Amino acid sequence: MTATAIPAAARAIVLAALDDYRMNTPPTDAKPAAAAHRVVEYLASSGYTARKRGDRPRPYWDRAFPSEAAIEIRDALGVHCLLVDPQHATPASQTDRIVSDLTAAGWLIVPNARTRSAA
């Protein structure tokens, strides 16, 4: 996989979503599934979607973020929780884990041509 599988702008969105989740959720209530939902919500609302390398773009009427990619994000956060001391877990380290796991699984984060502005 190339380093461009997840563009810098999408990485920044993931980081912002995790930072927002961390700032607004007490540590005792933090759950990987809820954090993953926030990441997917931020990516989709910013005009990004996920697809496997070699897959054709999704039809224009299907704007949903693929559930398989959302599960990959959730699982990456769950593994991160198991491997990293909670005192050292940061949105940046979580973002790195998500990007690493998505890339390893063959996912691309790409602009959704049907929801992105022309800018």
N, C-alpha and C. Protein backbone atom coordinates (compact mmCIF):
# COMPACT_ATOMS: atom_id res chain seq x y z
N MET A 1 0.84 -1.19 0.00
CA MET A 1 0.00 0.00 0.00
C MET A 1 0.88 1.24 0.00
N THR A 2 0.37 2.28 -0.56
CA THR A 2 1.13 3.52 -0.59
C THR A 2 0.72 4.40 0.57
N ALA A 3 1.55 5.42 0.80
CA ALA A 3 1.25 6.34 1.89
C ALA A 3 0.03 7.19 1.57
N THR A 4 -0.38 7.23 0.30
CA THR A 4 -1.53 8.05 -0.09
C THR A 4 -2.86 7.32 0.05
N ALA A 5 -2.85 6.11 0.58
CA ALA A 5 -4.10 5.38 0.77
C ALA A 5 -5.04 6.16 1.67
N ILE A 6 -4.47 6.92 2.60
CA ILE A 6 -5.25 7.78 3.49
C ILE A 6 -4.63 9.18 3.37
N PRO A 7 -5.29 10.09 2.66
CA PRO A 7 -4.72 11.43 2.47
C PRO A 7 -4.53 12.17 3.79
N ALA A 8 -3.61 13.13 3.76
CA ALA A 8 -3.32 13.92 4.97
C ALA A 8 -4.57 14.61 5.50
N ALA A 9 -5.42 15.09 4.61
CA ALA A 9 -6.65 15.76 5.06
C ALA A 9 -7.57 14.79 5.80
N ALA A 10 -7.66 13.55 5.32
CA ALA A 10 -8.50 12.55 6.00
C ALA A 10 -7.89 12.18 7.34
N ARG A 11 -6.56 12.08 7.41
CA ARG A 11 -5.89 11.82 8.70
C ARG A 11 -6.21 12.92 9.69
N ALA A 12 -6.19 14.16 9.22
CA ALA A 12 -6.50 15.31 10.09
C ALA A 12 -7.94 15.24 10.60
N ILE A 13 -8.83 14.77 9.76
CA ILE A 13 -10.24 14.64 10.16
C ILE A 13 -10.38 13.55 11.23
N VAL A 14 -9.68 12.43 11.04
CA VAL A 14 -9.70 11.34 12.04
C VAL A 14 -9.16 11.86 13.36
N LEU A 15 -8.05 12.57 13.31
CA LEU A 15 -7.45 13.13 14.51
C LEU A 15 -8.41 14.10 15.21
N ALA A 16 -9.07 14.95 14.44
CA ALA A 16 -10.03 15.91 15.02
C ALA A 16 -11.21 15.18 15.66
N ALA A 17 -11.69 14.13 15.01
CA ALA A 17 -12.81 13.36 15.56
C ALA A 17 -12.43 12.71 16.88
N LEU A 18 -11.24 12.12 16.93
CA LEU A 18 -10.80 11.47 18.16
C LEU A 18 -10.52 12.48 19.27
N ASP A 19 -9.97 13.62 18.89
CA ASP A 19 -9.72 14.67 19.88
C ASP A 19 -11.04 15.20 20.44
N ASP A 20 -12.01 15.40 19.55
CA ASP A 20 -13.33 15.85 19.99
C ASP A 20 -13.97 14.82 20.91
N TYR A 21 -13.87 13.56 20.54
CA TYR A 21 -14.45 12.49 21.37
C TYR A 21 -13.79 12.48 22.74
N ARG A 22 -12.47 12.59 22.76
CA ARG A 22 -11.73 12.57 24.03
C ARG A 22 -12.09 13.75 24.92
N MET A 23 -12.28 14.92 24.31
CA MET A 23 -12.59 16.13 25.09
C MET A 23 -14.02 16.11 25.64
N ASN A 24 -14.92 15.40 24.96
CA ASN A 24 -16.33 15.43 25.34
C ASN A 24 -16.84 14.17 26.01
N THR A 25 -15.97 13.19 26.20
CA THR A 25 -16.38 11.93 26.79
C THR A 25 -15.50 11.62 28.00
N PRO A 26 -16.10 11.45 29.17
CA PRO A 26 -15.30 11.08 30.33
C PRO A 26 -14.57 9.76 30.07
N PRO A 27 -13.34 9.62 30.54
CA PRO A 27 -12.58 8.39 30.30
C PRO A 27 -13.31 7.12 30.72
N THR A 28 -14.11 7.20 31.76
CA THR A 28 -14.83 6.01 32.23
C THR A 28 -15.95 5.62 31.26
N ASP A 29 -16.39 6.55 30.42
CA ASP A 29 -17.46 6.26 29.46
C ASP A 29 -16.94 6.00 28.05
N ALA A 30 -15.65 6.17 27.82
CA ALA A 30 -15.07 6.02 26.48
C ALA A 30 -15.12 4.57 26.02
N LYS A 31 -15.60 4.37 24.81
CA LYS A 31 -15.71 3.04 24.22
C LYS A 31 -15.19 3.09 22.78
N PRO A 32 -14.45 2.06 22.35
CA PRO A 32 -13.95 2.05 20.97
C PRO A 32 -15.05 2.19 19.92
N ALA A 33 -16.19 1.55 20.14
CA ALA A 33 -17.28 1.63 19.16
C ALA A 33 -17.81 3.04 19.02
N ALA A 34 -17.94 3.74 20.14
CA ALA A 34 -18.44 5.12 20.09
C ALA A 34 -17.42 6.05 19.44
N ALA A 35 -16.14 5.83 19.73
CA ALA A 35 -15.10 6.64 19.10
C ALA A 35 -15.05 6.37 17.60
N ALA A 36 -15.21 5.11 17.20
CA ALA A 36 -15.23 4.76 15.78
C ALA A 36 -16.41 5.41 15.08
N HIS A 37 -17.56 5.42 15.76
CA HIS A 37 -18.74 6.08 15.19
C HIS A 37 -18.46 7.56 14.95
N ARG A 38 -17.78 8.21 15.89
CA ARG A 38 -17.44 9.62 15.73
C ARG A 38 -16.51 9.82 14.53
N VAL A 39 -15.52 8.93 14.37
CA VAL A 39 -14.59 9.03 13.25
C VAL A 39 -15.34 8.89 11.92
N VAL A 40 -16.20 7.89 11.82
CA VAL A 40 -16.96 7.68 10.59
C VAL A 40 -17.87 8.87 10.32
N GLU A 41 -18.50 9.37 11.36
CA GLU A 41 -19.39 10.53 11.23
C GLU A 41 -18.61 11.74 10.68
N TYR A 42 -17.44 12.00 11.22
CA TYR A 42 -16.62 13.13 10.76
C TYR A 42 -16.15 12.93 9.32
N LEU A 43 -15.68 11.72 9.00
CA LEU A 43 -15.22 11.47 7.63
C LEU A 43 -16.36 11.64 6.63
N ALA A 44 -17.49 11.03 6.92
CA ALA A 44 -18.63 11.11 6.00
C ALA A 44 -19.13 12.54 5.84
N SER A 45 -19.23 13.27 6.94
CA SER A 45 -19.74 14.64 6.85
C SER A 45 -18.73 15.57 6.18
N SER A 46 -17.46 15.16 6.13
CA SER A 46 -16.43 15.94 5.45
C SER A 46 -16.29 15.54 3.99
N GLY A 47 -17.12 14.62 3.55
CA GLY A 47 -17.13 14.23 2.15
C GLY A 47 -16.20 13.09 1.79
N TYR A 48 -15.82 12.27 2.76
CA TYR A 48 -14.96 11.12 2.49
C TYR A 48 -15.74 9.83 2.63
N THR A 49 -15.29 8.83 1.91
CA THR A 49 -15.82 7.48 2.04
C THR A 49 -14.64 6.52 1.99
N ALA A 50 -14.92 5.26 2.17
CA ALA A 50 -13.88 4.23 2.12
C ALA A 50 -14.23 3.23 1.04
N ARG A 51 -13.18 2.72 0.42
CA ARG A 51 -13.36 1.63 -0.53
C ARG A 51 -12.09 0.81 -0.58
N LYS A 52 -12.23 -0.43 -0.96
CA LYS A 52 -11.08 -1.33 -1.10
C LYS A 52 -10.34 -0.97 -2.39
N ARG A 53 -9.03 -1.14 -2.35
CA ARG A 53 -8.23 -0.91 -3.55
C ARG A 53 -8.75 -1.83 -4.66
N GLY A 54 -8.94 -1.27 -5.83
CA GLY A 54 -9.43 -2.04 -6.96
C GLY A 54 -10.95 -2.06 -7.08
N ASP A 55 -11.66 -1.68 -6.03
CA ASP A 55 -13.12 -1.62 -6.10
C ASP A 55 -13.54 -0.43 -6.94
N ARG A 56 -14.66 -0.59 -7.58
CA ARG A 56 -15.23 0.53 -8.32
C ARG A 56 -15.88 1.48 -7.33
N PRO A 57 -15.93 2.76 -7.67
CA PRO A 57 -16.63 3.71 -6.79
C PRO A 57 -18.08 3.29 -6.57
N ARG A 58 -18.59 3.63 -5.40
CA ARG A 58 -19.97 3.27 -5.06
C ARG A 58 -20.93 4.08 -5.92
N PRO A 59 -22.12 3.55 -6.17
CA PRO A 59 -23.11 4.30 -6.95
C PRO A 59 -23.46 5.63 -6.27
N TYR A 60 -23.86 6.60 -7.06
CA TYR A 60 -24.12 7.93 -6.51
C TYR A 60 -25.19 7.94 -5.44
N TRP A 61 -26.11 7.01 -5.47
CA TRP A 61 -27.18 7.01 -4.47
C TRP A 61 -26.75 6.33 -3.17
N ASP A 62 -25.63 5.64 -3.18
CA ASP A 62 -25.15 4.95 -1.98
C ASP A 62 -24.08 5.80 -1.32
N ARG A 63 -24.48 6.66 -0.42
CA ARG A 63 -23.56 7.58 0.23
C ARG A 63 -23.09 7.07 1.58
N ALA A 64 -23.55 5.90 1.97
CA ALA A 64 -23.20 5.38 3.28
C ALA A 64 -21.71 5.02 3.33
N PHE A 65 -21.10 5.25 4.49
CA PHE A 65 -19.73 4.82 4.72
C PHE A 65 -19.77 3.31 4.87
N PRO A 66 -18.94 2.56 4.18
CA PRO A 66 -19.03 1.09 4.24
C PRO A 66 -18.89 0.57 5.67
N SER A 67 -19.81 -0.28 6.06
CA SER A 67 -19.80 -0.81 7.43
C SER A 67 -18.55 -1.63 7.70
N GLU A 68 -18.01 -2.29 6.68
CA GLU A 68 -16.79 -3.08 6.87
C GLU A 68 -15.62 -2.18 7.27
N ALA A 69 -15.54 -0.99 6.68
CA ALA A 69 -14.48 -0.04 7.03
C ALA A 69 -14.71 0.50 8.44
N ALA A 70 -15.96 0.76 8.79
CA ALA A 70 -16.28 1.24 10.14
C ALA A 70 -15.89 0.19 11.18
N ILE A 71 -16.11 -1.08 10.87
CA ILE A 71 -15.72 -2.16 11.78
C ILE A 71 -14.21 -2.21 11.92
N GLU A 72 -13.50 -2.00 10.82
CA GLU A 72 -12.03 -1.98 10.86
C GLU A 72 -11.53 -0.86 11.77
N ILE A 73 -12.18 0.30 11.71
CA ILE A 73 -11.82 1.44 12.56
C ILE A 73 -12.09 1.08 14.03
N ARG A 74 -13.26 0.51 14.29
CA ARG A 74 -13.61 0.10 15.66
C ARG A 74 -12.60 -0.91 16.20
N ASP A 75 -12.26 -1.89 15.38
CA ASP A 75 -11.32 -2.91 15.82
C ASP A 75 -9.93 -2.33 16.06
N ALA A 76 -9.51 -1.38 15.24
CA ALA A 76 -8.21 -0.73 15.43
C ALA A 76 -8.18 0.00 16.77
N LEU A 77 -9.27 0.67 17.10
CA LEU A 77 -9.33 1.36 18.40
C LEU A 77 -9.37 0.37 19.55
N GLY A 78 -10.05 -0.75 19.38
CA GLY A 78 -10.09 -1.77 20.42
C GLY A 78 -8.72 -2.38 20.67
N VAL A 79 -7.99 -2.68 19.60
CA VAL A 79 -6.64 -3.21 19.73
C VAL A 79 -5.73 -2.17 20.39
N HIS A 80 -5.89 -0.93 19.98
CA HIS A 80 -5.08 0.15 20.57
C HIS A 80 -5.31 0.22 22.07
N CYS A 81 -6.55 0.07 22.49
CA CYS A 81 -6.87 0.09 23.94
C CYS A 81 -6.18 -1.05 24.68
N LEU A 82 -6.06 -2.19 24.02
CA LEU A 82 -5.43 -3.35 24.66
C LEU A 82 -3.90 -3.24 24.70
N LEU A 83 -3.32 -2.60 23.71
CA LEU A 83 -1.87 -2.57 23.59
C LEU A 83 -1.19 -1.36 24.22
N VAL A 84 -1.93 -0.29 24.40
CA VAL A 84 -1.31 0.96 24.86
C VAL A 84 -1.81 1.30 26.26
N ASP A 85 -0.89 1.69 27.10
CA ASP A 85 -1.22 2.16 28.44
C ASP A 85 -2.16 3.37 28.31
N PRO A 86 -3.31 3.36 28.98
CA PRO A 86 -4.26 4.46 28.86
C PRO A 86 -3.63 5.84 29.14
N GLN A 87 -2.60 5.88 29.96
CA GLN A 87 -1.94 7.15 30.26
C GLN A 87 -1.17 7.69 29.05
N HIS A 88 -0.84 6.79 28.11
CA HIS A 88 -0.05 7.19 26.95
C HIS A 88 -0.86 7.22 25.65
N ALA A 89 -2.12 6.85 25.73
CA ALA A 89 -2.97 6.86 24.55
C ALA A 89 -3.35 8.30 24.22
N THR A 90 -3.13 8.67 22.99
CA THR A 90 -3.48 10.01 22.53
C THR A 90 -4.28 9.89 21.24
N PRO A 91 -5.01 10.94 20.87
CA PRO A 91 -5.68 10.90 19.57
C PRO A 91 -4.70 10.66 18.42
N ALA A 92 -3.47 11.19 18.54
CA ALA A 92 -2.48 10.98 17.47
C ALA A 92 -2.08 9.51 17.38
N SER A 93 -1.85 8.85 18.52
CA SER A 93 -1.48 7.43 18.47
C SER A 93 -2.65 6.58 17.99
N GLN A 94 -3.87 6.96 18.35
CA GLN A 94 -5.05 6.25 17.87
C GLN A 94 -5.21 6.43 16.36
N THR A 95 -4.97 7.64 15.88
CA THR A 95 -5.05 7.91 14.44
C THR A 95 -4.04 7.06 13.69
N ASP A 96 -2.82 7.00 14.20
CA ASP A 96 -1.79 6.18 13.56
C ASP A 96 -2.22 4.73 13.48
N ARG A 97 -2.82 4.22 14.55
CA ARG A 97 -3.28 2.82 14.55
C ARG A 97 -4.39 2.61 13.53
N ILE A 98 -5.33 3.53 13.46
CA ILE A 98 -6.43 3.42 12.49
C ILE A 98 -5.88 3.42 11.07
N VAL A 99 -5.00 4.37 10.78
CA VAL A 99 -4.43 4.47 9.43
C VAL A 99 -3.65 3.20 9.10
N SER A 100 -2.86 2.72 10.03
CA SER A 100 -2.07 1.51 9.81
C SER A 100 -2.97 0.31 9.53
N ASP A 101 -4.01 0.13 10.34
CA ASP A 101 -4.89 -1.03 10.17
C ASP A 101 -5.73 -0.94 8.91
N LEU A 102 -6.24 0.26 8.59
CA LEU A 102 -7.01 0.42 7.35
C LEU A 102 -6.14 0.13 6.14
N THR A 103 -4.93 0.67 6.14
CA THR A 103 -4.02 0.48 5.02
C THR A 103 -3.65 -0.99 4.88
N ALA A 104 -3.35 -1.65 6.00
CA ALA A 104 -2.99 -3.07 5.96
C ALA A 104 -4.14 -3.93 5.44
N ALA A 105 -5.37 -3.52 5.71
CA ALA A 105 -6.54 -4.28 5.27
C ALA A 105 -6.96 -3.92 3.84
N GLY A 106 -6.22 -2.99 3.21
CA GLY A 106 -6.51 -2.65 1.82
C GLY A 106 -7.55 -1.57 1.61
N TRP A 107 -7.88 -0.82 2.66
CA TRP A 107 -8.87 0.24 2.53
C TRP A 107 -8.23 1.54 2.07
N LEU A 108 -8.95 2.27 1.25
CA LEU A 108 -8.58 3.62 0.84
C LEU A 108 -9.63 4.56 1.41
N ILE A 109 -9.21 5.73 1.85
CA ILE A 109 -10.16 6.78 2.21
C ILE A 109 -10.09 7.78 1.06
N VAL A 110 -11.21 7.96 0.40
CA VAL A 110 -11.25 8.77 -0.82
C VAL A 110 -12.39 9.78 -0.75
N PRO A 111 -12.24 10.88 -1.50
CA PRO A 111 -13.36 11.82 -1.54
C PRO A 111 -14.58 11.14 -2.17
N ASN A 112 -15.72 11.37 -1.59
CA ASN A 112 -16.97 10.86 -2.13
C ASN A 112 -17.43 11.90 -3.15
N ALA A 113 -17.28 11.57 -4.41
CA ALA A 113 -17.54 12.54 -5.47
C ALA A 113 -18.97 13.07 -5.44
N ARG A 114 -19.89 12.37 -4.84
CA ARG A 114 -21.28 12.81 -4.81
C ARG A 114 -21.59 13.70 -3.63
N THR A 115 -20.70 13.77 -2.65
CA THR A 115 -21.00 14.63 -1.50
C THR A 115 -19.96 15.73 -1.32
N ARG A 116 -18.82 15.65 -2.00
CA ARG A 116 -17.79 16.68 -1.88
C ARG A 116 -18.16 17.88 -2.72
N SER A 117 -17.78 19.05 -2.25
CA SER A 117 -18.01 20.25 -3.03
C SER A 117 -16.97 20.29 -4.15
N ALA A 118 -17.15 21.17 -5.07
CA ALA A 118 -16.23 21.29 -6.19
C ALA A 118 -14.89 21.91 -5.79
N ALA A 119 -14.82 22.41 -4.56
CA ALA A 119 -13.58 23.08 -4.11
C ALA A 119 -12.41 22.16 -4.01
